[in-house]
């Protein structure tokens, strides 16, 4: 496996795990009336990752890499934005 595919896949898996955490924690605390849309999006996202993984191991690494990077770019940008807030600690008065 190439390093850029592994990196994109790792970012995507971390994003899926975070979404699953929010779904499970909301259902345990009953803080949300319905997580149907988030559950559906997470399920589709996991299927997307599965298809990407399948394509990579069945001779289509270019398509699989593109599929892995499509959701990884916004997730990385969001993570960078959150990291900037943590590091810079802006005063929001």
PDB file of N, CA and C in Angstrom:
ATOM      1  N   UNK A   1       0.837  -1.180   0.000  1.00  0.00           N
ATOM      2  CA  UNK A   1       0.000   0.000   0.000  1.00  0.00           C
ATOM      3  C   UNK A   1       0.882   1.245   0.000  1.00  0.00           C
ATOM      4  N   UNK A   2       0.473   2.222  -0.769  1.00  0.00           N
ATOM      5  CA  UNK A   2       1.233   3.463  -0.812  1.00  0.00           C
ATOM      6  C   UNK A   2       0.927   4.299   0.426  1.00  0.00           C
ATOM      7  N   UNK A   3       1.871   5.143   0.783  1.00  0.00           N
ATOM      8  CA  UNK A   3       1.730   5.917   2.012  1.00  0.00           C
ATOM      9  C   UNK A   3       0.604   6.935   1.915  1.00  0.00           C
ATOM     10  N   UNK A   4       0.386   7.500   0.717  1.00  0.00           N
ATOM     11  CA  UNK A   4      -0.667   8.509   0.620  1.00  0.00           C
ATOM     12  C   UNK A   4      -2.052   7.885   0.722  1.00  0.00           C
ATOM     13  N   UNK A   5      -2.202   6.661   0.250  1.00  0.00           N
ATOM     14  CA  UNK A   5      -3.491   5.976   0.412  1.00  0.00           C
ATOM     15  C   UNK A   5      -3.701   5.601   1.878  1.00  0.00           C
ATOM     16  N   UNK A   6      -2.651   5.115   2.531  1.00  0.00           N
ATOM     17  CA  UNK A   6      -2.759   4.768   3.951  1.00  0.00           C
ATOM     18  C   UNK A   6      -3.114   5.989   4.792  1.00  0.00           C
ATOM     19  N   UNK A   7      -2.502   7.129   4.474  1.00  0.00           N
ATOM     20  CA  UNK A   7      -2.757   8.346   5.227  1.00  0.00           C
ATOM     21  C   UNK A   7      -4.198   8.801   5.045  1.00  0.00           C
ATOM     22  N   UNK A   8      -4.678   8.812   3.810  1.00  0.00           N
ATOM     23  CA  UNK A   8      -6.060   9.218   3.547  1.00  0.00           C
ATOM     24  C   UNK A   8      -7.040   8.255   4.203  1.00  0.00           C
ATOM     25  N   UNK A   9      -6.768   6.972   4.131  1.00  0.00           N
ATOM     26  CA  UNK A   9      -7.640   5.981   4.748  1.00  0.00           C
ATOM     27  C   UNK A   9      -7.645   6.127   6.273  1.00  0.00           C
ATOM     28  N   UNK A  10      -6.488   6.422   6.861  1.00  0.00           N
ATOM     29  CA  UNK A  10      -6.415   6.615   8.313  1.00  0.00           C
ATOM     30  C   UNK A  10      -7.234   7.832   8.744  1.00  0.00           C
ATOM     31  N   UNK A  11      -7.153   8.912   7.988  1.00  0.00           N
ATOM     32  CA  UNK A  11      -7.943  10.104   8.299  1.00  0.00           C
ATOM     33  C   UNK A  11      -9.428   9.785   8.209  1.00  0.00           C
ATOM     34  N   UNK A  12      -9.817   9.045   7.173  1.00  0.00           N
ATOM     35  CA  UNK A  12     -11.224   8.687   6.999  1.00  0.00           C
ATOM     36  C   UNK A  12     -11.720   7.777   8.119  1.00  0.00           C
ATOM     37  N   UNK A  13     -10.907   6.829   8.529  1.00  0.00           N
ATOM     38  CA  UNK A  13     -11.306   5.910   9.597  1.00  0.00           C
ATOM     39  C   UNK A  13     -11.443   6.663  10.916  1.00  0.00           C
ATOM     40  N   UNK A  14     -10.540   7.591  11.175  1.00  0.00           N
ATOM     41  CA  UNK A  14     -10.658   8.400  12.391  1.00  0.00           C
ATOM     42  C   UNK A  14     -11.940   9.216  12.360  1.00  0.00           C
ATOM     43  N   UNK A  15     -12.282   9.776  11.208  1.00  0.00           N
ATOM     44  CA  UNK A  15     -13.531  10.517  11.068  1.00  0.00           C
ATOM     45  C   UNK A  15     -14.746   9.645  11.312  1.00  0.00           C
ATOM     46  N   UNK A  16     -14.718   8.411  10.801  1.00  0.00           N
ATOM     47  CA  UNK A  16     -15.835   7.490  11.015  1.00  0.00           C
ATOM     48  C   UNK A  16     -15.951   7.095  12.486  1.00  0.00           C
ATOM     49  N   UNK A  17     -14.825   6.894  13.142  1.00  0.00           N
ATOM     50  CA  UNK A  17     -14.842   6.537  14.566  1.00  0.00           C
ATOM     51  C   UNK A  17     -15.405   7.692  15.405  1.00  0.00           C
ATOM     52  N   UNK A  18     -15.040   8.920  15.070  1.00  0.00           N
ATOM     53  CA  UNK A  18     -15.569  10.081  15.792  1.00  0.00           C
ATOM     54  C   UNK A  18     -17.082  10.183  15.591  1.00  0.00           C
ATOM     55  N   UNK A  19     -17.546   9.967  14.366  1.00  0.00           N
ATOM     56  CA  UNK A  19     -18.991  10.007  14.107  1.00  0.00           C
ATOM     57  C   UNK A  19     -19.712   8.906  14.877  1.00  0.00           C
ATOM     58  N   UNK A  20     -19.138   7.714  14.915  1.00  0.00           N
ATOM     59  CA  UNK A  20     -19.738   6.629  15.687  1.00  0.00           C
ATOM     60  C   UNK A  20     -19.760   6.951  17.179  1.00  0.00           C
ATOM     61  N   UNK A  21     -18.723   7.609  17.673  1.00  0.00           N
ATOM     62  CA  UNK A  21     -18.686   8.017  19.077  1.00  0.00           C
ATOM     63  C   UNK A  21     -19.847   8.960  19.383  1.00  0.00           C
ATOM     64  N   UNK A  22     -20.071   9.942  18.504  1.00  0.00           N
ATOM     65  CA  UNK A  22     -21.170  10.884  18.730  1.00  0.00           C
ATOM     66  C   UNK A  22     -22.523  10.184  18.684  1.00  0.00           C
ATOM     67  N   UNK A  23     -22.686   9.245  17.782  1.00  0.00           N
ATOM     68  CA  UNK A  23     -23.959   8.514  17.689  1.00  0.00           C
ATOM     69  C   UNK A  23     -24.201   7.710  18.963  1.00  0.00           C
ATOM     70  N   UNK A  24     -23.184   6.979  19.403  1.00  0.00           N
ATOM     71  CA  UNK A  24     -23.339   6.118  20.588  1.00  0.00           C
ATOM     72  C   UNK A  24     -23.507   6.950  21.853  1.00  0.00           C
ATOM     73  N   UNK A  25     -22.705   8.016  22.002  1.00  0.00           N
ATOM     74  CA  UNK A  25     -22.820   8.824  23.222  1.00  0.00           C
ATOM     75  C   UNK A  25     -24.161   9.550  23.284  1.00  0.00           C
ATOM     76  N   UNK A  26     -24.694  10.009  22.162  1.00  0.00           N
ATOM     77  CA  UNK A  26     -26.013  10.645  22.163  1.00  0.00           C
ATOM     78  C   UNK A  26     -27.115   9.653  22.499  1.00  0.00           C
ATOM     79  N   UNK A  27     -26.983   8.437  22.005  1.00  0.00           N
ATOM     80  CA  UNK A  27     -28.027   7.453  22.309  1.00  0.00           C
ATOM     81  C   UNK A  27     -27.968   6.993  23.762  1.00  0.00           C
ATOM     82  N   UNK A  28     -26.785   6.956  24.350  1.00  0.00           N
ATOM     83  CA  UNK A  28     -26.661   6.565  25.752  1.00  0.00           C
ATOM     84  C   UNK A  28     -27.222   7.652  26.672  1.00  0.00           C
ATOM     85  N   UNK A  29     -26.918   8.916  26.365  1.00  0.00           N
ATOM     86  CA  UNK A  29     -27.362  10.028  27.197  1.00  0.00           C
ATOM     87  C   UNK A  29     -28.768  10.510  26.855  1.00  0.00           C
ATOM     88  N   UNK A  30     -29.336  10.005  25.776  1.00  0.00           N
ATOM     89  CA  UNK A  30     -30.655  10.438  25.298  1.00  0.00           C
ATOM     90  C   UNK A  30     -30.697  11.951  25.114  1.00  0.00           C
ATOM     91  N   UNK A  31     -29.575  12.524  24.685  1.00  0.00           N
ATOM     92  CA  UNK A  31     -29.517  13.975  24.523  1.00  0.00           C
ATOM     93  C   UNK A  31     -30.044  14.429  23.167  1.00  0.00           C
ATOM     94  N   UNK A  32     -30.210  13.503  22.268  1.00  0.00           N
ATOM     95  CA  UNK A  32     -30.728  13.847  20.952  1.00  0.00           C
ATOM     96  C   UNK A  32     -31.978  13.024  20.684  1.00  0.00           C
ATOM     97  N   UNK A  33     -32.967  13.665  20.081  1.00  0.00           N
ATOM     98  CA  UNK A  33     -34.201  12.936  19.819  1.00  0.00           C
ATOM     99  C   UNK A  33     -34.015  11.919  18.691  1.00  0.00           C
ATOM    100  N   UNK A  34     -33.194  12.268  17.713  1.00  0.00           N
ATOM    101  CA  UNK A  34     -32.995  11.346  16.599  1.00  0.00           C
ATOM    102  C   UNK A  34     -31.647  11.605  15.949  1.00  0.00           C
ATOM    103  N   UNK A  35     -30.910  10.556  15.745  1.00  0.00           N
ATOM    104  CA  UNK A  35     -29.647  10.635  15.019  1.00  0.00           C
ATOM    105  C   UNK A  35     -29.748   9.875  13.707  1.00  0.00           C
ATOM    106  N   UNK A  36     -30.923   9.840  13.136  1.00  0.00           N
ATOM    107  CA  UNK A  36     -31.125   9.070  11.921  1.00  0.00           C
ATOM    108  C   UNK A  36     -30.264   9.519  10.766  1.00  0.00           C
ATOM    109  N   UNK A  37     -30.183  10.817  10.546  1.00  0.00           N
ATOM    110  CA  UNK A  37     -29.395  11.322   9.426  1.00  0.00           C
ATOM    111  C   UNK A  37     -27.908  11.078   9.648  1.00  0.00           C
ATOM    112  N   UNK A  38     -27.408  11.342  10.848  1.00  0.00           N
ATOM    113  CA  UNK A  38     -25.998  11.091  11.139  1.00  0.00           C
ATOM    114  C   UNK A  38     -25.675   9.609  11.022  1.00  0.00           C
ATOM    115  N   UNK A  39     -26.580   8.762  11.465  1.00  0.00           N
ATOM    116  CA  UNK A  39     -26.361   7.315  11.346  1.00  0.00           C
ATOM    117  C   UNK A  39     -26.309   6.893   9.889  1.00  0.00           C
ATOM    118  N   UNK A  40     -27.201   7.438   9.073  1.00  0.00           N
ATOM    119  CA  UNK A  40     -27.227   7.092   7.648  1.00  0.00           C
ATOM    120  C   UNK A  40     -25.962   7.584   6.945  1.00  0.00           C
ATOM    121  N   UNK A  41     -25.540   8.801   7.237  1.00  0.00           N
ATOM    122  CA  UNK A  41     -24.336   9.341   6.619  1.00  0.00           C
ATOM    123  C   UNK A  41     -23.109   8.536   7.043  1.00  0.00           C
ATOM    124  N   UNK A  42     -23.037   8.144   8.297  1.00  0.00           N
ATOM    125  CA  UNK A  42     -21.916   7.340   8.774  1.00  0.00           C
ATOM    126  C   UNK A  42     -21.898   5.966   8.117  1.00  0.00           C
ATOM    127  N   UNK A  43     -23.063   5.381   7.948  1.00  0.00           N
ATOM    128  CA  UNK A  43     -23.155   4.080   7.279  1.00  0.00           C
ATOM    129  C   UNK A  43     -22.716   4.185   5.819  1.00  0.00           C
ATOM    130  N   UNK A  44     -23.152   5.219   5.129  1.00  0.00           N
ATOM    131  CA  UNK A  44     -22.744   5.430   3.736  1.00  0.00           C
ATOM    132  C   UNK A  44     -21.246   5.702   3.658  1.00  0.00           C
ATOM    133  N   UNK A  45     -20.727   6.462   4.622  1.00  0.00           N
ATOM    134  CA  UNK A  45     -19.294   6.756   4.660  1.00  0.00           C
ATOM    135  C   UNK A  45     -18.476   5.483   4.871  1.00  0.00           C
ATOM    136  N   UNK A  46     -18.933   4.610   5.759  1.00  0.00           N
ATOM    137  CA  UNK A  46     -18.237   3.335   5.981  1.00  0.00           C
ATOM    138  C   UNK A  46     -18.289   2.458   4.725  1.00  0.00           C
ATOM    139  N   UNK A  47     -19.409   2.470   4.029  1.00  0.00           N
ATOM    140  CA  UNK A  47     -19.511   1.724   2.772  1.00  0.00           C
ATOM    141  C   UNK A  47     -18.559   2.310   1.735  1.00  0.00           C
ATOM    142  N   UNK A  48     -18.464   3.634   1.691  1.00  0.00           N
ATOM    143  CA  UNK A  48     -17.543   4.317   0.773  1.00  0.00           C
ATOM    144  C   UNK A  48     -16.103   3.869   1.043  1.00  0.00           C
ATOM    145  N   UNK A  49     -15.724   3.801   2.319  1.00  0.00           N
ATOM    146  CA  UNK A  49     -14.380   3.355   2.679  1.00  0.00           C
ATOM    147  C   UNK A  49     -14.159   1.890   2.315  1.00  0.00           C
ATOM    148  N   UNK A  50     -15.190   1.079   2.516  1.00  0.00           N
ATOM    149  CA  UNK A  50     -15.088  -0.332   2.151  1.00  0.00           C
ATOM    150  C   UNK A  50     -14.900  -0.525   0.657  1.00  0.00           C
ATOM    151  N   UNK A  51     -15.622   0.244  -0.134  1.00  0.00           N
ATOM    152  CA  UNK A  51     -15.473   0.158  -1.591  1.00  0.00           C
ATOM    153  C   UNK A  51     -14.080   0.618  -2.008  1.00  0.00           C
ATOM    154  N   UNK A  52     -13.587   1.677  -1.383  1.00  0.00           N
ATOM    155  CA  UNK A  52     -12.242   2.155  -1.678  1.00  0.00           C
ATOM    156  C   UNK A  52     -11.195   1.086  -1.352  1.00  0.00           C
ATOM    157  N   UNK A  53     -11.337   0.458  -0.206  1.00  0.00           N
ATOM    158  CA  UNK A  53     -10.407  -0.603   0.195  1.00  0.00           C
ATOM    159  C   UNK A  53     -10.476  -1.791  -0.767  1.00  0.00           C
ATOM    160  N   UNK A  54     -11.698  -2.157  -1.148  1.00  0.00           N
ATOM    161  CA  UNK A  54     -11.888  -3.264  -2.094  1.00  0.00           C
ATOM    162  C   UNK A  54     -11.228  -2.949  -3.439  1.00  0.00           C
ATOM    163  N   UNK A  55     -11.443  -1.741  -3.948  1.00  0.00           N
ATOM    164  CA  UNK A  55     -10.854  -1.364  -5.229  1.00  0.00           C
ATOM    165  C   UNK A  55      -9.334  -1.339  -5.165  1.00  0.00           C
ATOM    166  N   UNK A  56      -8.778  -0.890  -4.046  1.00  0.00           N
ATOM    167  CA  UNK A  56      -7.329  -0.836  -3.929  1.00  0.00           C
ATOM    168  C   UNK A  56      -6.720  -2.230  -4.008  1.00  0.00           C
ATOM    169  N   UNK A  57      -7.354  -3.184  -3.378  1.00  0.00           N
ATOM    170  CA  UNK A  57      -6.795  -4.535  -3.354  1.00  0.00           C
ATOM    171  C   UNK A  57      -7.204  -5.384  -4.550  1.00  0.00           C
ATOM    172  N   UNK A  58      -8.010  -4.839  -5.429  1.00  0.00           N
ATOM    173  CA  UNK A  58      -8.397  -5.580  -6.632  1.00  0.00           C
ATOM    174  C   UNK A  58      -7.975  -4.848  -7.906  1.00  0.00           C
ATOM    175  N   UNK A  59      -6.833  -4.177  -7.863  1.00  0.00           N
ATOM    176  CA  UNK A  59      -6.199  -3.663  -9.055  1.00  0.00           C
ATOM    177  C   UNK A  59      -6.593  -2.272  -9.507  1.00  0.00           C
ATOM    178  N   UNK A  60      -7.237  -1.484  -8.688  1.00  0.00           N
ATOM    179  CA  UNK A  60      -7.606  -0.116  -9.055  1.00  0.00           C
ATOM    180  C   UNK A  60      -7.086   0.881  -8.007  1.00  0.00           C
ATOM    181  N   UNK A  61      -5.768   0.962  -7.815  1.00  0.00           N
ATOM    182  CA  UNK A  61      -5.263   1.839  -6.752  1.00  0.00           C
ATOM    183  C   UNK A  61      -5.496   3.324  -7.016  1.00  0.00           C
ATOM    184  N   UNK A  62      -5.529   3.752  -8.256  1.00  0.00           N
ATOM    185  CA  UNK A  62      -5.737   5.177  -8.540  1.00  0.00           C
ATOM    186  C   UNK A  62      -7.149   5.605  -8.157  1.00  0.00           C
ATOM    187  N   UNK A  63      -8.138   4.833  -8.556  1.00  0.00           N
ATOM    188  CA  UNK A  63      -9.526   5.158  -8.222  1.00  0.00           C
ATOM    189  C   UNK A  63      -9.737   5.081  -6.710  1.00  0.00           C
ATOM    190  N   UNK A  64      -9.159   4.062  -6.078  1.00  0.00           N
ATOM    191  CA  UNK A  64      -9.301   3.905  -4.630  1.00  0.00           C
ATOM    192  C   UNK A  64      -8.660   5.069  -3.886  1.00  0.00           C
ATOM    193  N   UNK A  65      -7.521   5.526  -4.360  1.00  0.00           N
ATOM    194  CA  UNK A  65      -6.851   6.646  -3.721  1.00  0.00           C
ATOM    195  C   UNK A  65      -7.672   7.926  -3.861  1.00  0.00           C
ATOM    196  N   UNK A  66      -8.248   8.146  -5.019  1.00  0.00           N
ATOM    197  CA  UNK A  66      -9.108   9.317  -5.211  1.00  0.00           C
ATOM    198  C   UNK A  66     -10.326   9.227  -4.306  1.00  0.00           C
ATOM    199  N   UNK A  67     -10.901   8.038  -4.211  1.00  0.00           N
ATOM    200  CA  UNK A  67     -12.066   7.851  -3.336  1.00  0.00           C
ATOM    201  C   UNK A  67     -11.707   8.090  -1.874  1.00  0.00           C
ATOM    202  N   UNK A  68     -10.507   7.732  -1.474  1.00  0.00           N
ATOM    203  CA  UNK A  68     -10.089   7.938  -0.086  1.00  0.00           C
ATOM    204  C   UNK A  68      -9.797   9.412   0.188  1.00  0.00           C
ATOM    205  N   UNK A  69      -9.275  10.135  -0.802  1.00  0.00           N
ATOM    206  CA  UNK A  69      -8.912  11.526  -0.583  1.00  0.00           C
ATOM    207  C   UNK A  69     -10.098  12.482  -0.650  1.00  0.00           C
ATOM    208  N   UNK A  70     -11.183  12.100  -1.317  1.00  0.00           N
ATOM    209  CA  UNK A  70     -12.347  12.997  -1.416  1.00  0.00           C
ATOM    210  C   UNK A  70     -12.880  13.379  -0.034  1.00  0.00           C
ATOM    211  N   UNK A  71     -13.144  12.445   0.887  1.00  0.00           N
ATOM    212  CA  UNK A  71     -13.578  12.881   2.225  1.00  0.00           C
ATOM    213  C   UNK A  71     -12.418  13.264   3.145  1.00  0.00           C
ATOM    214  N   UNK A  72     -11.195  12.834   2.817  1.00  0.00           N
ATOM    215  CA  UNK A  72     -10.064  13.114   3.703  1.00  0.00           C
ATOM    216  C   UNK A  72      -9.665  14.587   3.679  1.00  0.00           C
ATOM    217  N   UNK A  73      -9.787  15.235   2.539  1.00  0.00           N
ATOM    218  CA  UNK A  73      -9.386  16.645   2.440  1.00  0.00           C
ATOM    219  C   UNK A  73     -10.230  17.534   3.358  1.00  0.00           C
ATOM    220  N   UNK A  74     -11.578  17.459   3.310  1.00  0.00           N
ATOM    221  CA  UNK A  74     -12.341  18.296   4.251  1.00  0.00           C
ATOM    222  C   UNK A  74     -12.108  17.923   5.718  1.00  0.00           C
ATOM    223  N   UNK A  75     -11.919  16.637   5.994  1.00  0.00           N
ATOM    224  CA  UNK A  75     -11.640  16.231   7.373  1.00  0.00           C
ATOM    225  C   UNK A  75     -10.307  16.789   7.853  1.00  0.00           C
ATOM    226  N   UNK A  76      -9.296  16.777   6.995  1.00  0.00           N
ATOM    227  CA  UNK A  76      -8.002  17.348   7.375  1.00  0.00           C
ATOM    228  C   UNK A  76      -8.097  18.857   7.567  1.00  0.00           C
ATOM    229  N   UNK A  77      -8.844  19.541   6.714  1.00  0.00           N
ATOM    230  CA  UNK A  77      -9.004  20.981   6.865  1.00  0.00           C
ATOM    231  C   UNK A  77      -9.744  21.325   8.154  1.00  0.00           C
ATOM    232  N   UNK A  78     -10.766  20.555   8.479  1.00  0.00           N
ATOM    233  CA  UNK A  78     -11.486  20.768   9.728  1.00  0.00           C
ATOM    234  C   UNK A  78     -10.574  20.510  10.932  1.00  0.00           C
ATOM    235  N   UNK A  79      -9.791  19.440  10.867  1.00  0.00           N
ATOM    236  CA  UNK A  79      -8.852  19.137  11.942  1.00  0.00           C
ATOM    237  C   UNK A  79      -7.805  20.233  12.105  1.00  0.00           C
ATOM    238  N   UNK A  80      -7.337  20.790  10.999  1.00  0.00           N
ATOM    239  CA  UNK A  80      -6.387  21.887  11.056  1.00  0.00           C
ATOM    240  C   UNK A  80      -7.028  23.124  11.687  1.00  0.00           C
ATOM    241  N   UNK A  81      -8.268  23.391  11.338  1.00  0.00           N
ATOM    242  CA  UNK A  81      -8.992  24.533  11.905  1.00  0.00           C
ATOM    243  C   UNK A  81      -9.157  24.371  13.418  1.00  0.00           C
ATOM    244  N   UNK A  82      -9.534  23.188  13.872  1.00  0.00           N
ATOM    245  CA  UNK A  82      -9.680  22.930  15.314  1.00  0.00           C
ATOM    246  C   UNK A  82      -8.331  23.040  16.011  1.00  0.00           C
ATOM    247  N   UNK A  83      -7.294  22.528  15.388  1.00  0.00           N
ATOM    248  CA  UNK A  83      -5.954  22.615  15.959  1.00  0.00           C
ATOM    249  C   UNK A  83      -5.495  24.066  16.087  1.00  0.00           C
ATOM    250  N   UNK A  84      -5.833  24.888  15.105  1.00  0.00           N
ATOM    251  CA  UNK A  84      -5.491  26.309  15.188  1.00  0.00           C
ATOM    252  C   UNK A  84      -6.212  26.975  16.362  1.00  0.00           C
ATOM    253  N   UNK A  85      -7.474  26.615  16.599  1.00  0.00           N
ATOM    254  CA  UNK A  85      -8.189  27.154  17.746  1.00  0.00           C
ATOM    255  C   UNK A  85      -7.552  26.716  19.056  1.00  0.00           C
ATOM    256  N   UNK A  86      -7.099  25.477  19.119  1.00  0.00           N
ATOM    257  CA  UNK A  86      -6.471  24.984  20.344  1.00  0.00           C
ATOM    258  C   UNK A  86      -5.138  25.681  20.588  1.00  0.00           C
ATOM    259  N   UNK A  87      -4.336  25.835  19.546  1.00  0.00           N
ATOM    260  CA  UNK A  87      -3.016  26.416  19.707  1.00  0.00           C
ATOM    261  C   UNK A  87      -3.086  27.924  19.937  1.00  0.00           C
ATOM    262  N   UNK A  88      -3.879  28.623  19.138  1.00  0.00           N
ATOM    263  CA  UNK A  88      -3.889  30.090  19.194  1.00  0.00           C
ATOM    264  C   UNK A  88      -4.774  30.645  20.303  1.00  0.00           C
ATOM    265  N   UNK A  89      -5.746  29.874  20.762  1.00  0.00           N
ATOM    266  CA  UNK A  89      -6.660  30.281  21.831  1.00  0.00           C
ATOM    267  C   UNK A  89      -7.200  31.701  21.593  1.00  0.00           C
ATOM    268  N   UNK A  90      -8.012  31.879  20.552  1.00  0.00           N
ATOM    269  CA  UNK A  90      -8.498  33.237  20.252  1.00  0.00           C
ATOM    270  C   UNK A  90      -9.486  33.726  21.313  1.00  0.00           C
ATOM    271  N   UNK A  91      -9.468  35.031  21.527  1.00  0.00           N
ATOM    272  CA  UNK A  91     -10.377  35.646  22.480  1.00  0.00           C
ATOM    273  C   UNK A  91     -11.661  36.026  21.747  1.00  0.00           C
ATOM    274  N   UNK A  92     -12.751  35.350  22.061  1.00  0.00           N
ATOM    275  CA  UNK A  92     -14.015  35.534  21.342  1.00  0.00           C
ATOM    276  C   UNK A  92     -14.963  36.436  22.116  1.00  0.00           C
ATOM    277  N   UNK A  93     -14.583  37.654  22.346  1.00  0.00           N
ATOM    278  CA  UNK A  93     -15.437  38.576  23.103  1.00  0.00           C
ATOM    279  C   UNK A  93     -16.404  39.264  22.214  1.00  0.00           C
TER     280      UNK A  93
END
